[in-house]
């Protein structure tokens, strides 16, 4: 399960906090929320401090979002390494 919460929102930006496991259907849910924010031409920041596990689809989504200037903050060392390894 993944909880997605808006922790800060302004006219031009949104910061989402993710908590739990970014796996299975939750990857699509994050994709939908991210696409909605980006389609409104707002900047998006994902706070990943409370993400405990990310499956390969979740890692792919996070990488895709990064190419669209979505910032990831508070990544664990493990998640940071996962994101680096998928770039090779």
C-alpha atoms as a PDB file:
ATOM      1  CA  UNK A   1       0.000   0.000   0.000  1.00  0.00           C
ATOM      2  CA  UNK A   2       1.101   3.542  -0.715  1.00  0.00           C
ATOM      3  CA  UNK A   3      -0.208   6.733   0.834  1.00  0.00           C
ATOM      4  CA  UNK A   4       0.145   9.818  -1.340  1.00  0.00           C
ATOM      5  CA  UNK A   5      -0.412  13.110   0.470  1.00  0.00           C
ATOM      6  CA  UNK A   6      -0.164  16.696  -0.678  1.00  0.00           C
ATOM      7  CA  UNK A   7       2.067  18.382   1.874  1.00  0.00           C
ATOM      8  CA  UNK A   8       2.482  21.700   0.097  1.00  0.00           C
ATOM      9  CA  UNK A   9       0.685  23.294  -2.824  1.00  0.00           C
ATOM     10  CA  UNK A  10       0.850  26.735  -4.389  1.00  0.00           C
ATOM     11  CA  UNK A  11      -0.083  28.260  -7.718  1.00  0.00           C
ATOM     12  CA  UNK A  12       3.051  26.937  -9.363  1.00  0.00           C
ATOM     13  CA  UNK A  13       4.112  23.873  -7.419  1.00  0.00           C
ATOM     14  CA  UNK A  14       3.010  20.747  -5.593  1.00  0.00           C
ATOM     15  CA  UNK A  15       4.952  18.644  -3.090  1.00  0.00           C
ATOM     16  CA  UNK A  16       3.727  15.108  -2.546  1.00  0.00           C
ATOM     17  CA  UNK A  17       4.736  12.866   0.324  1.00  0.00           C
ATOM     18  CA  UNK A  18       4.826   9.141  -0.405  1.00  0.00           C
ATOM     19  CA  UNK A  19       4.587   6.603   2.381  1.00  0.00           C
ATOM     20  CA  UNK A  20       4.763   2.831   2.004  1.00  0.00           C
ATOM     21  CA  UNK A  21       5.433   0.564  -0.948  1.00  0.00           C
ATOM     22  CA  UNK A  22       5.554   1.918  -4.514  1.00  0.00           C
ATOM     23  CA  UNK A  23       4.465  -1.310  -6.201  1.00  0.00           C
ATOM     24  CA  UNK A  24       1.751  -2.731  -8.454  1.00  0.00           C
ATOM     25  CA  UNK A  25      -1.372  -0.579  -8.769  1.00  0.00           C
ATOM     26  CA  UNK A  26       0.171   2.185  -6.656  1.00  0.00           C
ATOM     27  CA  UNK A  27       2.639   2.921  -9.449  1.00  0.00           C
ATOM     28  CA  UNK A  28      -0.283   3.788 -11.732  1.00  0.00           C
ATOM     29  CA  UNK A  29      -1.880   5.903  -9.005  1.00  0.00           C
ATOM     30  CA  UNK A  30       1.300   7.944  -8.607  1.00  0.00           C
ATOM     31  CA  UNK A  31       1.534   8.242 -12.400  1.00  0.00           C
ATOM     32  CA  UNK A  32      -2.029   9.655 -12.541  1.00  0.00           C
ATOM     33  CA  UNK A  33      -1.412  12.191  -9.780  1.00  0.00           C
ATOM     34  CA  UNK A  34       1.902  13.229 -11.295  1.00  0.00           C
ATOM     35  CA  UNK A  35       0.435  13.633 -14.772  1.00  0.00           C
ATOM     36  CA  UNK A  36      -2.399  15.746 -13.410  1.00  0.00           C
ATOM     37  CA  UNK A  37       0.025  18.082 -11.645  1.00  0.00           C
ATOM     38  CA  UNK A  38       2.370  18.326 -14.621  1.00  0.00           C
ATOM     39  CA  UNK A  39      -0.528  18.927 -17.037  1.00  0.00           C
ATOM     40  CA  UNK A  40      -1.410  21.986 -14.921  1.00  0.00           C
ATOM     41  CA  UNK A  41       2.133  23.234 -15.621  1.00  0.00           C
ATOM     42  CA  UNK A  42       3.103  23.045 -11.963  1.00  0.00           C
ATOM     43  CA  UNK A  43       6.452  21.878 -10.700  1.00  0.00           C
ATOM     44  CA  UNK A  44       6.316  18.631  -8.775  1.00  0.00           C
ATOM     45  CA  UNK A  45       8.453  17.446  -5.875  1.00  0.00           C
ATOM     46  CA  UNK A  46       8.212  13.945  -4.434  1.00  0.00           C
ATOM     47  CA  UNK A  47       9.222  13.456  -0.809  1.00  0.00           C
ATOM     48  CA  UNK A  48      10.374   9.837  -0.597  1.00  0.00           C
ATOM     49  CA  UNK A  49      11.465   9.768   3.061  1.00  0.00           C
ATOM     50  CA  UNK A  50       8.848   7.190   4.046  1.00  0.00           C
ATOM     51  CA  UNK A  51       9.056   4.933   0.980  1.00  0.00           C
ATOM     52  CA  UNK A  52      10.124   1.475   2.142  1.00  0.00           C
ATOM     53  CA  UNK A  53      10.248  -0.396  -1.169  1.00  0.00           C
ATOM     54  CA  UNK A  54       9.976   0.330  -4.901  1.00  0.00           C
ATOM     55  CA  UNK A  55       9.416  -2.382  -7.494  1.00  0.00           C
ATOM     56  CA  UNK A  56      10.963  -2.187 -11.002  1.00  0.00           C
ATOM     57  CA  UNK A  57       7.879  -0.432 -12.438  1.00  0.00           C
ATOM     58  CA  UNK A  58       8.029   2.124  -9.636  1.00  0.00           C
ATOM     59  CA  UNK A  59      11.722   2.713 -10.242  1.00  0.00           C
ATOM     60  CA  UNK A  60      11.024   3.222 -13.944  1.00  0.00           C
ATOM     61  CA  UNK A  61       8.294   5.745 -13.155  1.00  0.00           C
ATOM     62  CA  UNK A  62      10.539   7.700 -10.788  1.00  0.00           C
ATOM     63  CA  UNK A  63      13.243   7.822 -13.453  1.00  0.00           C
ATOM     64  CA  UNK A  64      10.733   8.947 -16.105  1.00  0.00           C
ATOM     65  CA  UNK A  65       9.474  11.689 -13.818  1.00  0.00           C
ATOM     66  CA  UNK A  66      13.047  12.815 -13.116  1.00  0.00           C
ATOM     67  CA  UNK A  67      13.556  13.359 -16.860  1.00  0.00           C
ATOM     68  CA  UNK A  68      10.567  15.702 -16.662  1.00  0.00           C
ATOM     69  CA  UNK A  69      12.239  17.781 -13.923  1.00  0.00           C
ATOM     70  CA  UNK A  70      10.321  16.183 -11.057  1.00  0.00           C
ATOM     71  CA  UNK A  71      12.537  16.484  -8.000  1.00  0.00           C
ATOM     72  CA  UNK A  72      12.990  13.577  -5.583  1.00  0.00           C
ATOM     73  CA  UNK A  73      13.856  14.604  -2.024  1.00  0.00           C
ATOM     74  CA  UNK A  74      14.688  12.660   1.121  1.00  0.00           C
ATOM     75  CA  UNK A  75      15.578   9.469  -0.773  1.00  0.00           C
ATOM     76  CA  UNK A  76      17.077   6.678   1.262  1.00  0.00           C
ATOM     77  CA  UNK A  77      20.550   5.520   0.278  1.00  0.00           C
ATOM     78  CA  UNK A  78      19.009   2.256  -0.929  1.00  0.00           C
ATOM     79  CA  UNK A  79      16.481   3.973  -3.190  1.00  0.00           C
ATOM     80  CA  UNK A  80      19.109   6.372  -4.500  1.00  0.00           C
ATOM     81  CA  UNK A  81      21.241   3.363  -5.469  1.00  0.00           C
ATOM     82  CA  UNK A  82      18.250   1.659  -7.133  1.00  0.00           C
ATOM     83  CA  UNK A  83      17.642   4.714  -9.271  1.00  0.00           C
ATOM     84  CA  UNK A  84      21.315   4.906 -10.249  1.00  0.00           C
ATOM     85  CA  UNK A  85      21.512   1.208 -11.148  1.00  0.00           C
ATOM     86  CA  UNK A  86      18.597   1.442 -13.544  1.00  0.00           C
ATOM     87  CA  UNK A  87      20.427   4.111 -15.533  1.00  0.00           C
ATOM     88  CA  UNK A  88      23.186   1.709 -16.556  1.00  0.00           C
END
